[in-house]
Amino acid sequence: AAPLDEDVGAIYILSTDQLASRVKGKRALLIGGTRGVGYGTAVALAKAGAHVTIVGRSKDSGLASVSKIEEQSSGSGAVAEFIQGDIGTVCSTMELVKLLENQGKTYDLAVVSAATFPDFSKPLLNDDGIDKSFAIGVVGRYLVYRSMHLFET
């Protein structure tokens, strides 16, 4: 039986083989995939044979993450690539969406794990005048998901 979480309920842990039966050969877009939860998700998907595209702000971090993902998933048939982009402002998010559109690829699944932690003592506003944490966590995600034509149906 799956372990229970008092808020979520049953939490099923998938093995790489179980995950592979669902994602092998699929294209995954991970926005915020260079560190933390997004990076861990990218590694798990790549080990299961998914082709992962990670998006992040830093080219150096992105290329290093791709190298590590490819190393950790060797033999799975996965391909990893990096796109430099940001969902911190409306303009930068729309630039990312346009870049993805221009590549002509579609994705089978998307994970948006990009985030920043709010500092309630002194809110950090982005160029749109919106709290940066809200801009990334809500506005950026909305604009990406609104572009559903990028994803297979």
C-alpha atoms as a PDB file:
ATOM      1  CA  ALA A   1       0.000   0.000   0.000  1.00  0.00           C
ATOM      2  CA  ALA A   2       1.122   3.524  -0.728  1.00  0.00           C
ATOM      3  CA  PRO A   3       2.134   5.697   2.209  1.00  0.00           C
ATOM      4  CA  LEU A   4      -0.520   8.163   3.290  1.00  0.00           C
ATOM      5  CA  ASP A   5      -0.081  11.888   3.680  1.00  0.00           C
ATOM      6  CA  GLU A   6      -2.683  13.497   5.929  1.00  0.00           C
ATOM      7  CA  ASP A   7      -3.232  16.364   3.447  1.00  0.00           C
ATOM      8  CA  VAL A   8      -2.749  14.631   0.094  1.00  0.00           C
ATOM      9  CA  GLY A   9      -3.761  11.032   0.715  1.00  0.00           C
ATOM     10  CA  ALA A  10      -1.970   8.116  -0.932  1.00  0.00           C
ATOM     11  CA  ILE A  11       1.442   8.927  -2.380  1.00  0.00           C
ATOM     12  CA  TYR A  12       2.577   6.432  -4.983  1.00  0.00           C
ATOM     13  CA  ILE A  13       6.301   6.180  -5.591  1.00  0.00           C
ATOM     14  CA  LEU A  14       6.983   5.062  -9.155  1.00  0.00           C
ATOM     15  CA  SER A  15      10.085   3.074 -10.025  1.00  0.00           C
ATOM     16  CA  THR A  16      12.061   4.107 -13.098  1.00  0.00           C
ATOM     17  CA  ASP A  17      10.533   1.140 -14.957  1.00  0.00           C
ATOM     18  CA  GLN A  18       6.997   2.175 -13.989  1.00  0.00           C
ATOM     19  CA  LEU A  19       7.676   5.755 -15.013  1.00  0.00           C
ATOM     20  CA  ALA A  20       9.270   4.589 -18.286  1.00  0.00           C
ATOM     21  CA  SER A  21       6.075   2.787 -19.247  1.00  0.00           C
ATOM     22  CA  ARG A  22       4.384   6.187 -19.231  1.00  0.00           C
ATOM     23  CA  VAL A  23       7.051   8.607 -20.496  1.00  0.00           C
ATOM     24  CA  LYS A  24       9.624   6.755 -22.634  1.00  0.00           C
ATOM     25  CA  GLY A  25      10.055   8.661 -25.902  1.00  0.00           C
ATOM     26  CA  LYS A  26       7.795  11.510 -24.744  1.00  0.00           C
ATOM     27  CA  ARG A  27       8.910  15.158 -24.848  1.00  0.00           C
ATOM     28  CA  ALA A  28       8.940  16.932 -21.484  1.00  0.00           C
ATOM     29  CA  LEU A  29       9.313  20.684 -20.933  1.00  0.00           C
ATOM     30  CA  LEU A  30      10.636  21.652 -17.494  1.00  0.00           C
ATOM     31  CA  ILE A  31      10.585  25.357 -16.702  1.00  0.00           C
ATOM     32  CA  GLY A  32      12.832  25.817 -13.699  1.00  0.00           C
ATOM     33  CA  GLY A  33      14.657  22.574 -14.444  1.00  0.00           C
ATOM     34  CA  THR A  34      18.210  23.598 -13.583  1.00  0.00           C
ATOM     35  CA  ARG A  35      17.976  23.117  -9.800  1.00  0.00           C
ATOM     36  CA  GLY A  36      15.886  21.678  -7.012  1.00  0.00           C
ATOM     37  CA  VAL A  37      12.580  19.946  -7.699  1.00  0.00           C
ATOM     38  CA  GLY A  38      12.669  20.769 -11.412  1.00  0.00           C
ATOM     39  CA  TYR A  39      16.154  19.314 -11.830  1.00  0.00           C
ATOM     40  CA  GLY A  40      15.224  16.184  -9.868  1.00  0.00           C
ATOM     41  CA  THR A  41      12.131  15.757 -12.023  1.00  0.00           C
ATOM     42  CA  ALA A  42      14.205  16.207 -15.191  1.00  0.00           C
ATOM     43  CA  VAL A  43      16.657  13.516 -14.046  1.00  0.00           C
ATOM     44  CA  ALA A  44      13.842  11.068 -13.197  1.00  0.00           C
ATOM     45  CA  LEU A  45      12.123  11.651 -16.550  1.00  0.00           C
ATOM     46  CA  ALA A  46      15.398  11.317 -18.482  1.00  0.00           C
ATOM     47  CA  LYS A  47      16.305   8.090 -16.655  1.00  0.00           C
ATOM     48  CA  ALA A  48      12.881   6.803 -17.718  1.00  0.00           C
ATOM     49  CA  GLY A  49      13.642   7.632 -21.359  1.00  0.00           C
ATOM     50  CA  ALA A  50      11.839  10.951 -21.820  1.00  0.00           C
ATOM     51  CA  HIS A  51      13.411  13.668 -23.959  1.00  0.00           C
ATOM     52  CA  VAL A  52      13.737  16.617 -21.591  1.00  0.00           C
ATOM     53  CA  THR A  53      14.017  20.295 -22.390  1.00  0.00           C
ATOM     54  CA  ILE A  54      14.904  22.373 -19.368  1.00  0.00           C
ATOM     55  CA  VAL A  55      14.378  26.117 -19.204  1.00  0.00           C
ATOM     56  CA  GLY A  56      16.288  28.384 -16.862  1.00  0.00           C
ATOM     57  CA  ARG A  57      17.678  31.876 -16.582  1.00  0.00           C
ATOM     58  CA  SER A  58      21.383  31.007 -16.403  1.00  0.00           C
ATOM     59  CA  LYS A  59      23.054  29.538 -19.482  1.00  0.00           C
ATOM     60  CA  ASP A  60      25.947  28.191 -17.395  1.00  0.00           C
ATOM     61  CA  SER A  61      23.635  26.450 -14.903  1.00  0.00           C
ATOM     62  CA  GLY A  62      21.470  25.145 -17.728  1.00  0.00           C
ATOM     63  CA  LEU A  63      24.318  23.628 -19.709  1.00  0.00           C
ATOM     64  CA  ALA A  64      25.824  22.115 -16.545  1.00  0.00           C
ATOM     65  CA  SER A  65      22.437  20.612 -15.663  1.00  0.00           C
ATOM     66  CA  VAL A  66      22.042  19.118 -19.154  1.00  0.00           C
ATOM     67  CA  SER A  67      25.495  17.559 -18.879  1.00  0.00           C
ATOM     68  CA  LYS A  68      24.654  16.010 -15.485  1.00  0.00           C
ATOM     69  CA  ILE A  69      21.247  14.803 -16.709  1.00  0.00           C
ATOM     70  CA  GLU A  70      22.831  13.116 -19.726  1.00  0.00           C
ATOM     71  CA  GLU A  71      25.480  11.518 -17.507  1.00  0.00           C
ATOM     72  CA  GLN A  72      22.909  10.220 -14.994  1.00  0.00           C
ATOM     73  CA  SER A  73      20.553   8.904 -17.667  1.00  0.00           C
ATOM     74  CA  SER A  74      23.074   7.338 -20.053  1.00  0.00           C
ATOM     75  CA  GLY A  75      21.707   4.231 -21.719  1.00  0.00           C
ATOM     76  CA  SER A  76      18.069   5.329 -21.389  1.00  0.00           C
ATOM     77  CA  GLY A  77      17.857   6.781 -24.891  1.00  0.00           C
ATOM     78  CA  ALA A  78      16.935  10.160 -23.435  1.00  0.00           C
ATOM     79  CA  VAL A  79      18.001  13.460 -24.928  1.00  0.00           C
ATOM     80  CA  ALA A  80      18.404  16.567 -22.776  1.00  0.00           C
ATOM     81  CA  GLU A  81      18.570  20.143 -23.997  1.00  0.00           C
ATOM     82  CA  PHE A  82      18.575  23.626 -22.500  1.00  0.00           C
ATOM     83  CA  ILE A  83      16.694  26.765 -23.454  1.00  0.00           C
ATOM     84  CA  GLN A  84      17.525  30.029 -21.747  1.00  0.00           C
ATOM     85  CA  GLY A  85      14.355  31.751 -20.595  1.00  0.00           C
ATOM     86  CA  ASP A  86      12.581  33.394 -17.709  1.00  0.00           C
ATOM     87  CA  ILE A  87       8.980  33.586 -16.500  1.00  0.00           C
ATOM     88  CA  GLY A  88       9.635  36.455 -14.081  1.00  0.00           C
ATOM     89  CA  THR A  89       7.866  39.132 -16.129  1.00  0.00           C
ATOM     90  CA  VAL A  90       5.067  39.181 -18.673  1.00  0.00           C
ATOM     91  CA  CYS A  91       7.516  40.262 -21.388  1.00  0.00           C
ATOM     92  CA  SER A  92      10.141  37.587 -20.633  1.00  0.00           C
ATOM     93  CA  THR A  93       7.461  34.888 -20.407  1.00  0.00           C
ATOM     94  CA  MET A  94       5.996  35.886 -23.766  1.00  0.00           C
ATOM     95  CA  GLU A  95       9.525  35.896 -25.257  1.00  0.00           C
ATOM     96  CA  LEU A  96       9.979  32.338 -23.979  1.00  0.00           C
ATOM     97  CA  VAL A  97       6.617  31.242 -25.404  1.00  0.00           C
ATOM     98  CA  LYS A  98       7.544  32.804 -28.775  1.00  0.00           C
ATOM     99  CA  LEU A  99      10.933  31.057 -28.716  1.00  0.00           C
ATOM    100  CA  LEU A 100       9.229  27.712 -28.015  1.00  0.00           C
ATOM    101  CA  GLU A 101       6.697  28.359 -30.796  1.00  0.00           C
ATOM    102  CA  ASN A 102       9.445  29.212 -33.281  1.00  0.00           C
ATOM    103  CA  GLN A 103      11.212  25.920 -32.588  1.00  0.00           C
ATOM    104  CA  GLY A 104       8.191  24.107 -33.962  1.00  0.00           C
ATOM    105  CA  LYS A 105       8.293  21.385 -31.320  1.00  0.00           C
ATOM    106  CA  THR A 106       5.423  20.221 -29.188  1.00  0.00           C
ATOM    107  CA  TYR A 107       5.619  18.706 -25.728  1.00  0.00           C
ATOM    108  CA  ASP A 108       3.735  15.811 -24.202  1.00  0.00           C
ATOM    109  CA  LEU A 109       4.022  17.150 -20.667  1.00  0.00           C
ATOM    110  CA  ALA A 110       5.140  20.263 -18.856  1.00  0.00           C
ATOM    111  CA  VAL A 111       6.416  20.879 -15.356  1.00  0.00           C
ATOM    112  CA  VAL A 112       6.728  24.454 -14.151  1.00  0.00           C
ATOM    113  CA  SER A 113       8.770  24.425 -10.969  1.00  0.00           C
ATOM    114  CA  ALA A 114      10.377  27.850 -11.304  1.00  0.00           C
ATOM    115  CA  ALA A 115       9.930  29.784  -8.085  1.00  0.00           C
ATOM    116  CA  THR A 116      11.346  32.379  -5.787  1.00  0.00           C
ATOM    117  CA  PHE A 117      10.674  32.782  -2.109  1.00  0.00           C
ATOM    118  CA  PRO A 118       8.790  35.914  -1.069  1.00  0.00           C
ATOM    119  CA  ASP A 119      10.318  38.332   1.400  1.00  0.00           C
ATOM    120  CA  PHE A 120       7.313  39.808   3.147  1.00  0.00           C
ATOM    121  CA  SER A 121       9.464  42.363   4.971  1.00  0.00           C
ATOM    122  CA  LYS A 122      10.441  44.036   1.673  1.00  0.00           C
ATOM    123  CA  PRO A 123       8.612  42.755  -1.406  1.00  0.00           C
ATOM    124  CA  LEU A 124      10.726  42.540  -4.541  1.00  0.00           C
ATOM    125  CA  LEU A 125       8.823  43.932  -7.507  1.00  0.00           C
ATOM    126  CA  ASN A 126       9.581  42.910 -11.084  1.00  0.00           C
ATOM    127  CA  ASP A 127       9.595  45.245 -14.104  1.00  0.00           C
ATOM    128  CA  ASP A 128       5.790  44.905 -14.320  1.00  0.00           C
ATOM    129  CA  GLY A 129       5.426  46.243 -10.759  1.00  0.00           C
ATOM    130  CA  ILE A 130       4.239  42.818  -9.537  1.00  0.00           C
ATOM    131  CA  ASP A 131       5.717  40.969  -6.579  1.00  0.00           C
ATOM    132  CA  LYS A 132       8.323  38.680  -8.162  1.00  0.00           C
ATOM    133  CA  SER A 133       7.150  35.604  -6.268  1.00  0.00           C
ATOM    134  CA  PHE A 134       3.554  36.128  -7.484  1.00  0.00           C
ATOM    135  CA  ALA A 135       4.773  36.926 -11.010  1.00  0.00           C
ATOM    136  CA  ILE A 136       6.648  33.629 -11.298  1.00  0.00           C
ATOM    137  CA  GLY A 137       4.258  31.472  -9.286  1.00  0.00           C
ATOM    138  CA  VAL A 138       1.032  32.674 -10.865  1.00  0.00           C
ATOM    139  CA  VAL A 139       1.371  35.048 -13.816  1.00  0.00           C
ATOM    140  CA  GLY A 140       4.240  33.245 -15.561  1.00  0.00           C
ATOM    141  CA  ARG A 141       2.624  29.837 -15.108  1.00  0.00           C
ATOM    142  CA  TYR A 142      -0.692  31.145 -16.424  1.00  0.00           C
ATOM    143  CA  LEU A 143       0.940  32.572 -19.551  1.00  0.00           C
ATOM    144  CA  VAL A 144       2.802  29.315 -20.228  1.00  0.00           C
ATOM    145  CA  TYR A 145      -0.246  27.124 -19.700  1.00  0.00           C
ATOM    146  CA  ARG A 146      -2.362  29.498 -21.786  1.00  0.00           C
ATOM    147  CA  SER A 147      -0.094  28.529 -24.675  1.00  0.00           C
ATOM    148  CA  MET A 148      -1.457  25.010 -24.791  1.00  0.00           C
ATOM    149  CA  HIS A 149      -0.850  24.809 -28.536  1.00  0.00           C
ATOM    150  CA  LEU A 150       2.734  23.963 -27.536  1.00  0.00           C
ATOM    151  CA  PHE A 151       1.545  20.712 -26.016  1.00  0.00           C
ATOM    152  CA  GLU A 152       0.278  17.506 -27.596  1.00  0.00           C
ATOM    153  CA  THR A 153      -3.414  16.860 -26.996  1.00  0.00           C
END
